[in-house]
Amino acid sequence: MGKNQDMYSCNRVSLPEAAKELGMSNQAVREHMKRKVIDIGYVLPCTQGTRKSYVIYRDKLDKFLGKS
């Protein structure tokens, strides 16, 4: 496991929780993450179809919000 994975491996945040903290809709968070406007986690493609998974880390969210 790499250094970044160690740092962010435990404290994940759900998309709805992150959206609430950011004051935006779930879809807005998805779009901002896909376009790399906000760096709060990763967008992972699923193995089948066009769906994506959104992994949001507490540390990155707090840093983006200026809490840490």
C-alpha atoms as a PDB file:
ATOM      1  CA  MET A   1       0.000   0.000   0.000  1.00  0.00           C
ATOM      2  CA  GLY A   2       1.339   3.428  -0.968  1.00  0.00           C
ATOM      3  CA  LYS A   3       1.731   6.400   1.318  1.00  0.00           C
ATOM      4  CA  ASN A   4      -1.394   8.179   0.002  1.00  0.00           C
ATOM      5  CA  GLN A   5      -3.492   5.036   0.384  1.00  0.00           C
ATOM      6  CA  ASP A   6      -2.394   4.704   4.033  1.00  0.00           C
ATOM      7  CA  MET A   7      -3.344   8.297   4.734  1.00  0.00           C
ATOM      8  CA  TYR A   8      -6.843   8.099   3.234  1.00  0.00           C
ATOM      9  CA  SER A   9      -7.788   4.438   3.682  1.00  0.00           C
ATOM     10  CA  CYS A  10     -10.055   4.658   6.741  1.00  0.00           C
ATOM     11  CA  ASN A  11     -12.179   7.796   6.831  1.00  0.00           C
ATOM     12  CA  ARG A  12     -14.542   7.796   3.884  1.00  0.00           C
ATOM     13  CA  VAL A  13     -17.596  10.025   3.497  1.00  0.00           C
ATOM     14  CA  SER A  14     -20.779   9.215   1.599  1.00  0.00           C
ATOM     15  CA  LEU A  15     -21.632  11.306  -1.442  1.00  0.00           C
ATOM     16  CA  PRO A  16     -24.826  12.730   0.141  1.00  0.00           C
ATOM     17  CA  GLU A  17     -22.921  13.705   3.300  1.00  0.00           C
ATOM     18  CA  ALA A  18     -20.194  15.423   1.275  1.00  0.00           C
ATOM     19  CA  ALA A  19     -22.802  17.221  -0.837  1.00  0.00           C
ATOM     20  CA  LYS A  20     -24.519  18.520   2.297  1.00  0.00           C
ATOM     21  CA  GLU A  21     -21.238  19.785   3.759  1.00  0.00           C
ATOM     22  CA  LEU A  22     -20.312  21.439   0.454  1.00  0.00           C
ATOM     23  CA  GLY A  23     -23.765  23.007   0.086  1.00  0.00           C
ATOM     24  CA  MET A  24     -24.426  21.464  -3.318  1.00  0.00           C
ATOM     25  CA  SER A  25     -26.468  18.684  -4.839  1.00  0.00           C
ATOM     26  CA  ASN A  26     -25.241  15.103  -5.184  1.00  0.00           C
ATOM     27  CA  GLN A  27     -25.116  15.552  -8.960  1.00  0.00           C
ATOM     28  CA  ALA A  28     -23.068  18.743  -8.658  1.00  0.00           C
ATOM     29  CA  VAL A  29     -20.491  16.920  -6.500  1.00  0.00           C
ATOM     30  CA  ARG A  30     -20.340  14.089  -9.067  1.00  0.00           C
ATOM     31  CA  GLU A  31     -19.812  16.525 -11.946  1.00  0.00           C
ATOM     32  CA  HIS A  32     -17.178  18.558 -10.069  1.00  0.00           C
ATOM     33  CA  MET A  33     -15.281  15.389  -9.180  1.00  0.00           C
ATOM     34  CA  LYS A  34     -15.465  14.052 -12.755  1.00  0.00           C
ATOM     35  CA  ARG A  35     -14.149  17.371 -14.114  1.00  0.00           C
ATOM     36  CA  LYS A  36     -11.489  17.573 -11.370  1.00  0.00           C
ATOM     37  CA  VAL A  37     -12.829  20.911 -10.152  1.00  0.00           C
ATOM     38  CA  ILE A  38     -12.701  19.636  -6.567  1.00  0.00           C
ATOM     39  CA  ASP A  39     -10.135  17.157  -5.243  1.00  0.00           C
ATOM     40  CA  ILE A  40     -11.913  15.322  -2.442  1.00  0.00           C
ATOM     41  CA  GLY A  41     -11.430  11.750  -3.618  1.00  0.00           C
ATOM     42  CA  TYR A  42     -11.578   9.588  -6.724  1.00  0.00           C
ATOM     43  CA  VAL A  43     -14.006   8.694  -9.504  1.00  0.00           C
ATOM     44  CA  LEU A  44     -13.695   5.017 -10.342  1.00  0.00           C
ATOM     45  CA  PRO A  45     -15.216   3.407 -13.427  1.00  0.00           C
ATOM     46  CA  CYS A  46     -17.214   0.237 -12.832  1.00  0.00           C
ATOM     47  CA  THR A  47     -16.225  -2.889 -14.712  1.00  0.00           C
ATOM     48  CA  GLN A  48     -19.508  -3.019 -16.650  1.00  0.00           C
ATOM     49  CA  GLY A  49     -21.639  -0.261 -18.096  1.00  0.00           C
ATOM     50  CA  THR A  50     -21.226   3.475 -17.720  1.00  0.00           C
ATOM     51  CA  ARG A  51     -21.791   3.826 -13.965  1.00  0.00           C
ATOM     52  CA  LYS A  52     -19.045   5.234 -11.783  1.00  0.00           C
ATOM     53  CA  SER A  53     -18.163   4.964  -8.096  1.00  0.00           C
ATOM     54  CA  TYR A  54     -17.266   8.035  -6.079  1.00  0.00           C
ATOM     55  CA  VAL A  55     -14.801   7.586  -3.231  1.00  0.00           C
ATOM     56  CA  ILE A  56     -14.645  10.632  -0.962  1.00  0.00           C
ATOM     57  CA  TYR A  57     -12.153  10.927   1.874  1.00  0.00           C
ATOM     58  CA  ARG A  58     -12.800  12.870   5.096  1.00  0.00           C
ATOM     59  CA  ASP A  59      -9.264  14.311   5.174  1.00  0.00           C
ATOM     60  CA  LYS A  60      -9.482  15.614   1.602  1.00  0.00           C
ATOM     61  CA  LEU A  61     -12.989  17.011   2.165  1.00  0.00           C
ATOM     62  CA  ASP A  62     -11.919  18.794   5.354  1.00  0.00           C
ATOM     63  CA  LYS A  63      -8.842  20.208   3.617  1.00  0.00           C
ATOM     64  CA  PHE A  64     -10.975  21.468   0.715  1.00  0.00           C
ATOM     65  CA  LEU A  65     -13.380  23.085   3.210  1.00  0.00           C
ATOM     66  CA  GLY A  66     -10.460  24.670   5.110  1.00  0.00           C
ATOM     67  CA  LYS A  67     -11.113  22.644   8.277  1.00  0.00           C
ATOM     68  CA  SER A  68      -7.648  21.139   8.603  1.00  0.00           C
END
